[in-house]
Amino acid sequence: MSFKFLPSLSIAALALTAAASAQAHGAADTATSLAAYTPHTLSRAEVIADLEVYRRSGLAALDAQDSPNVYGSDYLQAQARYQALRHDPAFQARVAMLARERGETAMQVSAAR
């Protein structure tokens, strides 16, 4: 009995296994990427108001640095100011005012949330 074909059979089996594994990993990566993507639509008024709050909080100035210290007290305080401003009722009032100025309907703004 001749076993000359065993090395080429082993190589073929190894190649087939590697190809199947790569395909499975590629499919898993795609599924993970698609599952992680959740579209979130904001109205233009919400984006403008958020940018204003981002600048007012001081985060914009800190983020403009080459490498901001995101763990430093200045940055953490700016983040806290941003969150406070973002959750303040004045933020929603500003969004509503911007929406009116821009001619956006209440439906567009509320649907974007």
PDB file of N, CA and C in Angstrom:
ATOM      1  N   MET A   1       0.846  -1.184   0.000  1.00  0.00           N
ATOM      2  CA  MET A   1       0.000   0.000   0.000  1.00  0.00           C
ATOM      3  C   MET A   1       0.890   1.246   0.000  1.00  0.00           C
ATOM      4  N   SER A   2       0.567   2.219  -0.846  1.00  0.00           N
ATOM      5  CA  SER A   2       1.391   3.407  -1.001  1.00  0.00           C
ATOM      6  C   SER A   2       0.736   4.589  -0.283  1.00  0.00           C
ATOM      7  N   PHE A   3       1.560   5.308   0.473  1.00  0.00           N
ATOM      8  CA  PHE A   3       1.059   6.478   1.227  1.00  0.00           C
ATOM      9  C   PHE A   3       1.649   7.781   0.689  1.00  0.00           C
ATOM     10  N   LYS A   4       2.007   7.803  -0.601  1.00  0.00           N
ATOM     11  CA  LYS A   4       2.602   8.986  -1.210  1.00  0.00           C
ATOM     12  C   LYS A   4       1.616  10.157  -1.259  1.00  0.00           C
ATOM     13  N   PHE A   5       0.335   9.877  -1.309  1.00  0.00           N
ATOM     14  CA  PHE A   5      -0.672  10.940  -1.436  1.00  0.00           C
ATOM     15  C   PHE A   5      -0.990  11.617  -0.104  1.00  0.00           C
ATOM     16  N   LEU A   6      -0.565  11.054   1.032  1.00  0.00           N
ATOM     17  CA  LEU A   6      -0.909  11.611   2.347  1.00  0.00           C
ATOM     18  C   LEU A   6      -0.421  13.045   2.548  1.00  0.00           C
ATOM     19  N   PRO A   7       0.829  13.403   2.197  1.00  0.00           N
ATOM     20  CA  PRO A   7       1.237  14.799   2.406  1.00  0.00           C
ATOM     21  C   PRO A   7       0.366  15.787   1.622  1.00  0.00           C
ATOM     22  N   SER A   8       0.044  15.483   0.376  1.00  0.00           N
ATOM     23  CA  SER A   8      -0.782  16.419  -0.389  1.00  0.00           C
ATOM     24  C   SER A   8      -2.214  16.437   0.119  1.00  0.00           C
ATOM     25  N   LEU A   9      -2.706  15.322   0.622  1.00  0.00           N
ATOM     26  CA  LEU A   9      -4.040  15.272   1.208  1.00  0.00           C
ATOM     27  C   LEU A   9      -4.081  16.099   2.489  1.00  0.00           C
ATOM     28  N   SER A  10      -3.031  16.018   3.294  1.00  0.00           N
ATOM     29  CA  SER A  10      -2.954  16.794   4.537  1.00  0.00           C
ATOM     30  C   SER A  10      -2.925  18.289   4.240  1.00  0.00           C
ATOM     31  N   ILE A  11      -2.168  18.678   3.235  1.00  0.00           N
ATOM     32  CA  ILE A  11      -2.077  20.090   2.868  1.00  0.00           C
ATOM     33  C   ILE A  11      -3.431  20.587   2.361  1.00  0.00           C
ATOM     34  N   ALA A  12      -4.101  19.781   1.563  1.00  0.00           N
ATOM     35  CA  ALA A  12      -5.417  20.163   1.050  1.00  0.00           C
ATOM     36  C   ALA A  12      -6.424  20.303   2.185  1.00  0.00           C
ATOM     37  N   ALA A  13      -6.385  19.381   3.140  1.00  0.00           N
ATOM     38  CA  ALA A  13      -7.298  19.445   4.281  1.00  0.00           C
ATOM     39  C   ALA A  13      -7.014  20.679   5.129  1.00  0.00           C
ATOM     40  N   LEU A  14      -5.741  20.991   5.332  1.00  0.00           N
ATOM     41  CA  LEU A  14      -5.352  22.165   6.110  1.00  0.00           C
ATOM     42  C   LEU A  14      -5.824  23.446   5.408  1.00  0.00           C
ATOM     43  N   ALA A  15      -5.647  23.517   4.098  1.00  0.00           N
ATOM     44  CA  ALA A  15      -6.074  24.689   3.337  1.00  0.00           C
ATOM     45  C   ALA A  15      -7.586  24.863   3.401  1.00  0.00           C
ATOM     46  N   LEU A  16      -8.311  23.767   3.289  1.00  0.00           N
ATOM     47  CA  LEU A  16      -9.767  23.813   3.356  1.00  0.00           C
ATOM     48  C   LEU A  16     -10.241  24.287   4.731  1.00  0.00           C
ATOM     49  N   THR A  17      -9.606  23.791   5.788  1.00  0.00           N
ATOM     50  CA  THR A  17      -9.949  24.192   7.153  1.00  0.00           C
ATOM     51  C   THR A  17      -9.667  25.679   7.359  1.00  0.00           C
ATOM     52  N   ALA A  18      -8.512  26.138   6.873  1.00  0.00           N
ATOM     53  CA  ALA A  18      -8.153  27.546   7.028  1.00  0.00           C
ATOM     54  C   ALA A  18      -9.141  28.445   6.282  1.00  0.00           C
ATOM     55  N   ALA A  19      -9.523  28.043   5.085  1.00  0.00           N
ATOM     56  CA  ALA A  19     -10.467  28.843   4.299  1.00  0.00           C
ATOM     57  C   ALA A  19     -11.831  28.912   4.977  1.00  0.00           C
ATOM     58  N   ALA A  20     -12.291  27.792   5.499  1.00  0.00           N
ATOM     59  CA  ALA A  20     -13.588  27.766   6.179  1.00  0.00           C
ATOM     60  C   ALA A  20     -13.550  28.622   7.438  1.00  0.00           C
ATOM     61  N   SER A  21     -12.441  28.561   8.163  1.00  0.00           N
ATOM     62  CA  SER A  21     -12.297  29.349   9.385  1.00  0.00           C
ATOM     63  C   SER A  21     -12.291  30.842   9.065  1.00  0.00           C
ATOM     64  N   ALA A  22     -11.552  31.224   8.026  1.00  0.00           N
ATOM     65  CA  ALA A  22     -11.490  32.636   7.641  1.00  0.00           C
ATOM     66  C   ALA A  22     -12.861  33.144   7.216  1.00  0.00           C
ATOM     67  N   GLN A  23     -13.594  32.320   6.489  1.00  0.00           N
ATOM     68  CA  GLN A  23     -14.933  32.721   6.046  1.00  0.00           C
ATOM     69  C   GLN A  23     -15.865  32.887   7.241  1.00  0.00           C
ATOM     70  N   ALA A  24     -15.767  31.993   8.213  1.00  0.00           N
ATOM     71  CA  ALA A  24     -16.618  32.077   9.403  1.00  0.00           C
ATOM     72  C   ALA A  24     -16.295  33.330  10.202  1.00  0.00           C
ATOM     73  N   HIS A  25     -14.999  33.647  10.344  1.00  0.00           N
ATOM     74  CA  HIS A  25     -14.618  34.848  11.086  1.00  0.00           C
ATOM     75  C   HIS A  25     -15.071  36.104  10.358  1.00  0.00           C
ATOM     76  N   GLY A  26     -14.970  36.109   9.042  1.00  0.00           N
ATOM     77  CA  GLY A  26     -15.428  37.261   8.266  1.00  0.00           C
ATOM     78  C   GLY A  26     -16.913  37.483   8.422  1.00  0.00           C
ATOM     79  N   ALA A  27     -17.678  36.421   8.405  1.00  0.00           N
ATOM     80  CA  ALA A  27     -19.131  36.528   8.575  1.00  0.00           C
ATOM     81  C   ALA A  27     -19.468  37.013   9.972  1.00  0.00           C
ATOM     82  N   ALA A  28     -18.724  36.533  10.970  1.00  0.00           N
ATOM     83  CA  ALA A  28     -18.972  36.955  12.349  1.00  0.00           C
ATOM     84  C   ALA A  28     -18.656  38.434  12.520  1.00  0.00           C
ATOM     85  N   ASP A  29     -17.551  38.904  11.905  1.00  0.00           N
ATOM     86  CA  ASP A  29     -17.195  40.315  11.994  1.00  0.00           C
ATOM     87  C   ASP A  29     -18.267  41.191  11.351  1.00  0.00           C
ATOM     88  N   THR A  30     -18.773  40.772  10.211  1.00  0.00           N
ATOM     89  CA  THR A  30     -19.815  41.532   9.526  1.00  0.00           C
ATOM     90  C   THR A  30     -21.083  41.582  10.361  1.00  0.00           C
ATOM     91  N   ALA A  31     -21.453  40.457  10.950  1.00  0.00           N
ATOM     92  CA  ALA A  31     -22.657  40.414  11.779  1.00  0.00           C
ATOM     93  C   ALA A  31     -22.500  41.320  12.991  1.00  0.00           C
ATOM     94  N   THR A  32     -21.319  41.303  13.604  1.00  0.00           N
ATOM     95  CA  THR A  32     -21.063  42.151  14.766  1.00  0.00           C
ATOM     96  C   THR A  32     -21.115  43.618  14.368  1.00  0.00           C
ATOM     97  N   SER A  33     -20.510  43.955  13.239  1.00  0.00           N
ATOM     98  CA  SER A  33     -20.506  45.343  12.784  1.00  0.00           C
ATOM     99  C   SER A  33     -21.919  45.829  12.506  1.00  0.00           C
ATOM    100  N   LEU A  34     -22.721  44.999  11.867  1.00  0.00           N
ATOM    101  CA  LEU A  34     -24.090  45.397  11.565  1.00  0.00           C
ATOM    102  C   LEU A  34     -24.928  45.516  12.825  1.00  0.00           C
ATOM    103  N   ALA A  35     -24.700  44.619  13.779  1.00  0.00           N
ATOM    104  CA  ALA A  35     -25.461  44.672  15.024  1.00  0.00           C
ATOM    105  C   ALA A  35     -25.064  45.898  15.839  1.00  0.00           C
ATOM    106  N   ALA A  36     -23.803  46.299  15.765  1.00  0.00           N
ATOM    107  CA  ALA A  36     -23.327  47.441  16.541  1.00  0.00           C
ATOM    108  C   ALA A  36     -23.826  48.759  15.955  1.00  0.00           C
ATOM    109  N   TYR A  37     -24.122  48.796  14.666  1.00  0.00           N
ATOM    110  CA  TYR A  37     -24.578  50.024  14.027  1.00  0.00           C
ATOM    111  C   TYR A  37     -26.058  50.225  14.300  1.00  0.00           C
ATOM    112  N   THR A  38     -26.355  51.279  15.004  1.00  0.00           N
ATOM    113  CA  THR A  38     -27.750  51.631  15.242  1.00  0.00           C
ATOM    114  C   THR A  38     -27.924  53.080  14.787  1.00  0.00           C
ATOM    115  N   PRO A  39     -28.612  53.292  13.697  1.00  0.00           N
ATOM    116  CA  PRO A  39     -28.761  54.655  13.202  1.00  0.00           C
ATOM    117  C   PRO A  39     -29.518  55.524  14.200  1.00  0.00           C
ATOM    118  N   HIS A  40     -29.025  56.706  14.401  1.00  0.00           N
ATOM    119  CA  HIS A  40     -29.662  57.656  15.306  1.00  0.00           C
ATOM    120  C   HIS A  40     -29.757  58.972  14.547  1.00  0.00           C
ATOM    121  N   THR A  41     -30.936  59.387  14.273  1.00  0.00           N
ATOM    122  CA  THR A  41     -31.134  60.591  13.491  1.00  0.00           C
ATOM    123  C   THR A  41     -31.483  61.746  14.415  1.00  0.00           C
ATOM    124  N   LEU A  42     -30.728  62.819  14.276  1.00  0.00           N
ATOM    125  CA  LEU A  42     -31.009  64.040  15.032  1.00  0.00           C
ATOM    126  C   LEU A  42     -31.474  65.107  14.054  1.00  0.00           C
ATOM    127  N   SER A  43     -32.318  65.984  14.538  1.00  0.00           N
ATOM    128  CA  SER A  43     -32.708  67.116  13.702  1.00  0.00           C
ATOM    129  C   SER A  43     -31.532  68.088  13.646  1.00  0.00           C
ATOM    130  N   ARG A  44     -31.555  68.948  12.666  1.00  0.00           N
ATOM    131  CA  ARG A  44     -30.491  69.946  12.547  1.00  0.00           C
ATOM    132  C   ARG A  44     -30.491  70.857  13.774  1.00  0.00           C
ATOM    133  N   ALA A  45     -31.653  71.176  14.284  1.00  0.00           N
ATOM    134  CA  ALA A  45     -31.754  72.029  15.473  1.00  0.00           C
ATOM    135  C   ALA A  45     -31.071  71.370  16.669  1.00  0.00           C
ATOM    136  N   GLU A  46     -31.262  70.059  16.831  1.00  0.00           N
ATOM    137  CA  GLU A  46     -30.618  69.349  17.940  1.00  0.00           C
ATOM    138  C   GLU A  46     -29.101  69.336  17.789  1.00  0.00           C
ATOM    139  N   VAL A  47     -28.628  69.180  16.569  1.00  0.00           N
ATOM    140  CA  VAL A  47     -27.183  69.169  16.327  1.00  0.00           C
ATOM    141  C   VAL A  47     -26.585  70.536  16.642  1.00  0.00           C
ATOM    142  N   ILE A  48     -27.239  71.600  16.198  1.00  0.00           N
ATOM    143  CA  ILE A  48     -26.742  72.955  16.451  1.00  0.00           C
ATOM    144  C   ILE A  48     -26.738  73.252  17.948  1.00  0.00           C
ATOM    145  N   ALA A  49     -27.825  72.913  18.634  1.00  0.00           N
ATOM    146  CA  ALA A  49     -27.902  73.153  20.082  1.00  0.00           C
ATOM    147  C   ALA A  49     -26.845  72.342  20.819  1.00  0.00           C
ATOM    148  N   ASP A  50     -26.619  71.116  20.394  1.00  0.00           N
ATOM    149  CA  ASP A  50     -25.604  70.280  21.035  1.00  0.00           C
ATOM    150  C   ASP A  50     -24.210  70.866  20.821  1.00  0.00           C
ATOM    151  N   LEU A  51     -23.936  71.370  19.630  1.00  0.00           N
ATOM    152  CA  LEU A  51     -22.644  71.999  19.361  1.00  0.00           C
ATOM    153  C   LEU A  51     -22.443  73.225  20.245  1.00  0.00           C
ATOM    154  N   GLU A  52     -23.487  74.010  20.427  1.00  0.00           N
ATOM    155  CA  GLU A  52     -23.395  75.183  21.306  1.00  0.00           C
ATOM    156  C   GLU A  52     -23.045  74.764  22.732  1.00  0.00           C
ATOM    157  N   VAL A  53     -23.711  73.731  23.226  1.00  0.00           N
ATOM    158  CA  VAL A  53     -23.467  73.240  24.587  1.00  0.00           C
ATOM    159  C   VAL A  53     -22.048  72.676  24.699  1.00  0.00           C
ATOM    160  N   TYR A  54     -21.616  71.966  23.673  1.00  0.00           N
ATOM    161  CA  TYR A  54     -20.266  71.387  23.635  1.00  0.00           C
ATOM    162  C   TYR A  54     -19.217  72.488  23.736  1.00  0.00           C
ATOM    163  N   ARG A  55     -19.437  73.576  23.023  1.00  0.00           N
ATOM    164  CA  ARG A  55     -18.494  74.693  23.075  1.00  0.00           C
ATOM    165  C   ARG A  55     -18.563  75.413  24.416  1.00  0.00           C
ATOM    166  N   ARG A  56     -19.787  75.655  24.910  1.00  0.00           N
ATOM    167  CA  ARG A  56     -19.955  76.371  26.180  1.00  0.00           C
ATOM    168  C   ARG A  56     -19.378  75.613  27.358  1.00  0.00           C
ATOM    169  N   SER A  57     -19.430  74.295  27.304  1.00  0.00           N
ATOM    170  CA  SER A  57     -18.926  73.488  28.418  1.00  0.00           C
ATOM    171  C   SER A  57     -17.408  73.522  28.526  1.00  0.00           C
ATOM    172  N   GLY A  58     -16.741  73.892  27.443  1.00  0.00           N
ATOM    173  CA  GLY A  58     -15.284  73.896  27.439  1.00  0.00           C
ATOM    174  C   GLY A  58     -14.685  72.653  26.800  1.00  0.00           C
ATOM    175  N   LEU A  59     -15.516  71.679  26.471  1.00  0.00           N
ATOM    176  CA  LEU A  59     -15.004  70.451  25.854  1.00  0.00           C
ATOM    177  C   LEU A  59     -14.383  70.720  24.487  1.00  0.00           C
ATOM    178  N   ALA A  60     -14.952  71.620  23.722  1.00  0.00           N
ATOM    179  CA  ALA A  60     -14.426  71.899  22.380  1.00  0.00           C
ATOM    180  C   ALA A  60     -12.994  72.408  22.465  1.00  0.00           C
ATOM    181  N   ALA A  61     -12.740  73.326  23.398  1.00  0.00           N
ATOM    182  CA  ALA A  61     -11.390  73.869  23.551  1.00  0.00           C
ATOM    183  C   ALA A  61     -10.410  72.788  23.997  1.00  0.00           C
ATOM    184  N   LEU A  62     -10.848  71.942  24.917  1.00  0.00           N
ATOM    185  CA  LEU A  62      -9.963  70.874  25.390  1.00  0.00           C
ATOM    186  C   LEU A  62      -9.722  69.832  24.305  1.00  0.00           C
ATOM    187  N   ASP A  63     -10.748  69.502  23.539  1.00  0.00           N
ATOM    188  CA  ASP A  63     -10.597  68.513  22.469  1.00  0.00           C
ATOM    189  C   ASP A  63      -9.767  69.047  21.307  1.00  0.00           C
ATOM    190  N   ALA A  64      -9.625  70.357  21.201  1.00  0.00           N
ATOM    191  CA  ALA A  64      -8.834  70.949  20.126  1.00  0.00           C
ATOM    192  C   ALA A  64      -7.334  70.778  20.366  1.00  0.00           C
ATOM    193  N   GLN A  65      -6.955  70.424  21.584  1.00  0.00           N
ATOM    194  CA  GLN A  65      -5.542  70.198  21.888  1.00  0.00           C
ATOM    195  C   GLN A  65      -5.054  68.949  21.161  1.00  0.00           C
ATOM    196  N   ASP A  66      -3.740  68.881  20.928  1.00  0.00           N
ATOM    197  CA  ASP A  66      -3.175  67.729  20.219  1.00  0.00           C
ATOM    198  C   ASP A  66      -3.514  66.412  20.889  1.00  0.00           C
ATOM    199  N   SER A  67      -3.350  66.358  22.188  1.00  0.00           N
ATOM    200  CA  SER A  67      -3.695  65.120  22.907  1.00  0.00           C
ATOM    201  C   SER A  67      -4.279  65.502  24.261  1.00  0.00           C
ATOM    202  N   PRO A  68      -5.590  65.716  24.290  1.00  0.00           N
ATOM    203  CA  PRO A  68      -6.225  66.131  25.546  1.00  0.00           C
ATOM    204  C   PRO A  68      -6.120  65.036  26.607  1.00  0.00           C
ATOM    205  N   ASN A  69      -5.930  65.465  27.835  1.00  0.00           N
ATOM    206  CA  ASN A  69      -5.875  64.523  28.956  1.00  0.00           C
ATOM    207  C   ASN A  69      -7.314  64.249  29.387  1.00  0.00           C
ATOM    208  N   VAL A  70      -7.892  63.199  28.842  1.00  0.00           N
ATOM    209  CA  VAL A  70      -9.303  62.904  29.096  1.00  0.00           C
ATOM    210  C   VAL A  70      -9.553  62.427  30.521  1.00  0.00           C
ATOM    211  N   TYR A  71      -8.487  62.179  31.270  1.00  0.00           N
ATOM    212  CA  TYR A  71      -8.629  61.764  32.667  1.00  0.00           C
ATOM    213  C   TYR A  71      -8.282  62.900  33.628  1.00  0.00           C
ATOM    214  N   GLY A  72      -7.882  64.045  33.085  1.00  0.00           N
ATOM    215  CA  GLY A  72      -7.534  65.189  33.915  1.00  0.00           C
ATOM    216  C   GLY A  72      -8.769  65.858  34.496  1.00  0.00           C
ATOM    217  N   SER A  73      -8.564  66.605  35.577  1.00  0.00           N
ATOM    218  CA  SER A  73      -9.699  67.230  36.260  1.00  0.00           C
ATOM    219  C   SER A  73     -10.390  68.267  35.370  1.00  0.00           C
ATOM    220  N   ASP A  74      -9.620  69.012  34.569  1.00  0.00           N
ATOM    221  CA  ASP A  74     -10.234  70.005  33.671  1.00  0.00           C
ATOM    222  C   ASP A  74     -11.195  69.336  32.694  1.00  0.00           C
ATOM    223  N   TYR A  75     -10.762  68.227  32.123  1.00  0.00           N
ATOM    224  CA  TYR A  75     -11.583  67.525  31.136  1.00  0.00           C
ATOM    225  C   TYR A  75     -12.819  66.922  31.794  1.00  0.00           C
ATOM    226  N   LEU A  76     -12.625  66.306  32.950  1.00  0.00           N
ATOM    227  CA  LEU A  76     -13.754  65.690  33.655  1.00  0.00           C
ATOM    228  C   LEU A  76     -14.776  66.742  34.081  1.00  0.00           C
ATOM    229  N   GLN A  77     -14.293  67.909  34.502  1.00  0.00           N
ATOM    230  CA  GLN A  77     -15.206  68.992  34.869  1.00  0.00           C
ATOM    231  C   GLN A  77     -15.968  69.504  33.646  1.00  0.00           C
ATOM    232  N   ALA A  78     -15.273  69.603  32.520  1.00  0.00           N
ATOM    233  CA  ALA A  78     -15.933  70.041  31.287  1.00  0.00           C
ATOM    234  C   ALA A  78     -16.982  69.023  30.848  1.00  0.00           C
ATOM    235  N   GLN A  79     -16.675  67.739  30.994  1.00  0.00           N
ATOM    236  CA  GLN A  79     -17.660  66.701  30.663  1.00  0.00           C
ATOM    237  C   GLN A  79     -18.889  66.816  31.555  1.00  0.00           C
ATOM    238  N   ALA A  80     -18.663  67.062  32.838  1.00  0.00           N
ATOM    239  CA  ALA A  80     -19.786  67.208  33.773  1.00  0.00           C
ATOM    240  C   ALA A  80     -20.625  68.432  33.401  1.00  0.00           C
ATOM    241  N   ARG A  81     -19.959  69.548  33.033  1.00  0.00           N
ATOM    242  CA  ARG A  81     -20.692  70.744  32.599  1.00  0.00           C
ATOM    243  C   ARG A  81     -21.501  70.446  31.342  1.00  0.00           C
ATOM    244  N   TYR A  82     -20.903  69.720  30.403  1.00  0.00           N
ATOM    245  CA  TYR A  82     -21.602  69.364  29.165  1.00  0.00           C
ATOM    246  C   TYR A  82     -22.860  68.557  29.475  1.00  0.00           C
ATOM    247  N   GLN A  83     -22.726  67.538  30.318  1.00  0.00           N
ATOM    248  CA  GLN A  83     -23.879  66.700  30.665  1.00  0.00           C
ATOM    249  C   GLN A  83     -24.962  67.524  31.359  1.00  0.00           C
ATOM    250  N   ALA A  84     -24.545  68.412  32.272  1.00  0.00           N
ATOM    251  CA  ALA A  84     -25.518  69.250  32.980  1.00  0.00           C
ATOM    252  C   ALA A  84     -26.246  70.175  32.001  1.00  0.00           C
ATOM    253  N   LEU A  85     -25.495  70.802  31.100  1.00  0.00           N
ATOM    254  CA  LEU A  85     -26.111  71.696  30.114  1.00  0.00           C
ATOM    255  C   LEU A  85     -27.022  70.929  29.163  1.00  0.00           C
ATOM    256  N   ARG A  86     -26.614  69.737  28.811  1.00  0.00           N
ATOM    257  CA  ARG A  86     -27.384  68.913  27.859  1.00  0.00           C
ATOM    258  C   ARG A  86     -28.711  68.461  28.466  1.00  0.00           C
ATOM    259  N   HIS A  87     -28.736  68.255  29.784  1.00  0.00           N
ATOM    260  CA  HIS A  87     -29.954  67.788  30.448  1.00  0.00           C
ATOM    261  C   HIS A  87     -30.774  68.928  31.060  1.00  0.00           C
ATOM    262  N   ASP A  88     -30.298  70.137  30.900  1.00  0.00           N
ATOM    263  CA  ASP A  88     -31.014  71.301  31.405  1.00  0.00           C
ATOM    264  C   ASP A  88     -32.237  71.552  30.516  1.00  0.00           C
ATOM    265  N   PRO A  89     -33.371  71.946  31.105  1.00  0.00           N
ATOM    266  CA  PRO A  89     -34.560  72.250  30.290  1.00  0.00           C
ATOM    267  C   PRO A  89     -34.296  73.348  29.251  1.00  0.00           C
ATOM    268  N   ALA A  90     -33.320  74.199  29.512  1.00  0.00           N
ATOM    269  CA  ALA A  90     -32.985  75.257  28.557  1.00  0.00           C
ATOM    270  C   ALA A  90     -32.481  74.668  27.238  1.00  0.00           C
ATOM    271  N   PHE A  91     -31.903  73.479  27.292  1.00  0.00           N
ATOM    272  CA  PHE A  91     -31.428  72.834  26.067  1.00  0.00           C
ATOM    273  C   PHE A  91     -32.601  72.516  25.146  1.00  0.00           C
ATOM    274  N   GLN A  92     -33.653  71.917  25.699  1.00  0.00           N
ATOM    275  CA  GLN A  92     -34.831  71.599  24.884  1.00  0.00           C
ATOM    276  C   GLN A  92     -35.502  72.869  24.371  1.00  0.00           C
ATOM    277  N   ALA A  93     -35.488  73.917  25.193  1.00  0.00           N
ATOM    278  CA  ALA A  93     -36.058  75.194  24.750  1.00  0.00           C
ATOM    279  C   ALA A  93     -35.246  75.748  23.576  1.00  0.00           C
ATOM    280  N   ARG A  94     -33.931  75.618  23.658  1.00  0.00           N
ATOM    281  CA  ARG A  94     -33.059  76.087  22.571  1.00  0.00           C
ATOM    282  C   ARG A  94     -33.300  75.274  21.293  1.00  0.00           C
ATOM    283  N   VAL A  95     -33.466  73.969  21.443  1.00  0.00           N
ATOM    284  CA  VAL A  95     -33.757  73.112  20.286  1.00  0.00           C
ATOM    285  C   VAL A  95     -35.061  73.562  19.633  1.00  0.00           C
ATOM    286  N   ALA A  96     -36.081  73.812  20.452  1.00  0.00           N
ATOM    287  CA  ALA A  96     -37.381  74.238  19.922  1.00  0.00           C
ATOM    288  C   ALA A  96     -37.265  75.579  19.202  1.00  0.00           C
ATOM    289  N   MET A  97     -36.505  76.509  19.790  1.00  0.00           N
ATOM    290  CA  MET A  97     -36.338  77.818  19.175  1.00  0.00           C
ATOM    291  C   MET A  97     -35.592  77.698  17.842  1.00  0.00           C
ATOM    292  N   LEU A  98     -34.522  76.924  17.825  1.00  0.00           N
ATOM    293  CA  LEU A  98     -33.768  76.723  16.585  1.00  0.00           C
ATOM    294  C   LEU A  98     -34.629  76.054  15.516  1.00  0.00           C
ATOM    295  N   ALA A  99     -35.444  75.103  15.943  1.00  0.00           N
ATOM    296  CA  ALA A  99     -36.323  74.408  14.998  1.00  0.00           C
ATOM    297  C   ALA A  99     -37.312  75.388  14.371  1.00  0.00           C
ATOM    298  N   ARG A 100     -37.880  76.267  15.205  1.00  0.00           N
ATOM    299  CA  ARG A 100     -38.813  77.275  14.683  1.00  0.00           C
ATOM    300  C   ARG A 100     -38.100  78.205  13.697  1.00  0.00           C
ATOM    301  N   GLU A 101     -36.896  78.663  14.086  1.00  0.00           N
ATOM    302  CA  GLU A 101     -36.136  79.571  13.221  1.00  0.00           C
ATOM    303  C   GLU A 101     -35.799  78.922  11.881  1.00  0.00           C
ATOM    304  N   ARG A 102     -35.528  77.645  11.916  1.00  0.00           N
ATOM    305  CA  ARG A 102     -35.126  76.915  10.707  1.00  0.00           C
ATOM    306  C   ARG A 102     -36.321  76.403   9.912  1.00  0.00           C
ATOM    307  N   GLY A 103     -37.517  76.563  10.472  1.00  0.00           N
ATOM    308  CA  GLY A 103     -38.709  76.089   9.779  1.00  0.00           C
ATOM    309  C   GLY A 103     -38.913  74.586   9.888  1.00  0.00           C
ATOM    310  N   GLU A 104     -38.260  73.974  10.869  1.00  0.00           N
ATOM    311  CA  GLU A 104     -38.460  72.540  11.095  1.00  0.00           C
ATOM    312  C   GLU A 104     -39.760  72.362  11.858  1.00  0.00           C
ATOM    313  N   THR A 105     -40.497  71.359  11.514  1.00  0.00           N
ATOM    314  CA  THR A 105     -41.749  71.102  12.211  1.00  0.00           C
ATOM    315  C   THR A 105     -41.464  70.336  13.493  1.00  0.00           C
ATOM    316  N   ALA A 106     -42.401  70.400  14.417  1.00  0.00           N
ATOM    317  CA  ALA A 106     -42.262  69.650  15.667  1.00  0.00           C
ATOM    318  C   ALA A 106     -42.173  68.162  15.378  1.00  0.00           C
ATOM    319  N   MET A 107     -42.847  67.725  14.319  1.00  0.00           N
ATOM    320  CA  MET A 107     -42.822  66.313  13.932  1.00  0.00           C
ATOM    321  C   MET A 107     -41.396  65.901  13.562  1.00  0.00           C
ATOM    322  N   GLN A 108     -40.679  66.765  12.805  1.00  0.00           N
ATOM    323  CA  GLN A 108     -39.313  66.452  12.399  1.00  0.00           C
ATOM    324  C   GLN A 108     -38.398  66.355  13.605  1.00  0.00           C
ATOM    325  N   VAL A 109     -38.542  67.274  14.538  1.00  0.00           N
ATOM    326  CA  VAL A 109     -37.681  67.289  15.712  1.00  0.00           C
ATOM    327  C   VAL A 109     -37.979  66.099  16.603  1.00  0.00           C
ATOM    328  N   SER A 110     -39.251  65.821  16.880  1.00  0.00           N
ATOM    329  CA  SER A 110     -39.574  64.710  17.773  1.00  0.00           C
ATOM    330  C   SER A 110     -39.291  63.368  17.115  1.00  0.00           C
ATOM    331  N   ALA A 111     -39.440  63.266  15.803  1.00  0.00           N
ATOM    332  CA  ALA A 111     -39.153  62.007  15.105  1.00  0.00           C
ATOM    333  C   ALA A 111     -37.664  61.727  15.091  1.00  0.00           C
ATOM    334  N   ALA A 112     -36.861  62.750  15.214  1.00  0.00           N
ATOM    335  CA  ALA A 112     -35.419  62.572  15.167  1.00  0.00           C
ATOM    336  C   ALA A 112     -34.852  62.043  16.471  1.00  0.00           C
ATOM    337  N   ARG A 113     -35.629  62.040  17.516  1.00  0.00           N
ATOM    338  CA  ARG A 113     -35.113  61.585  18.820  1.00  0.00           C
ATOM    339  C   ARG A 113     -35.057  60.101  18.903  1.00  0.00           C
TER     340      ARG A 113
END
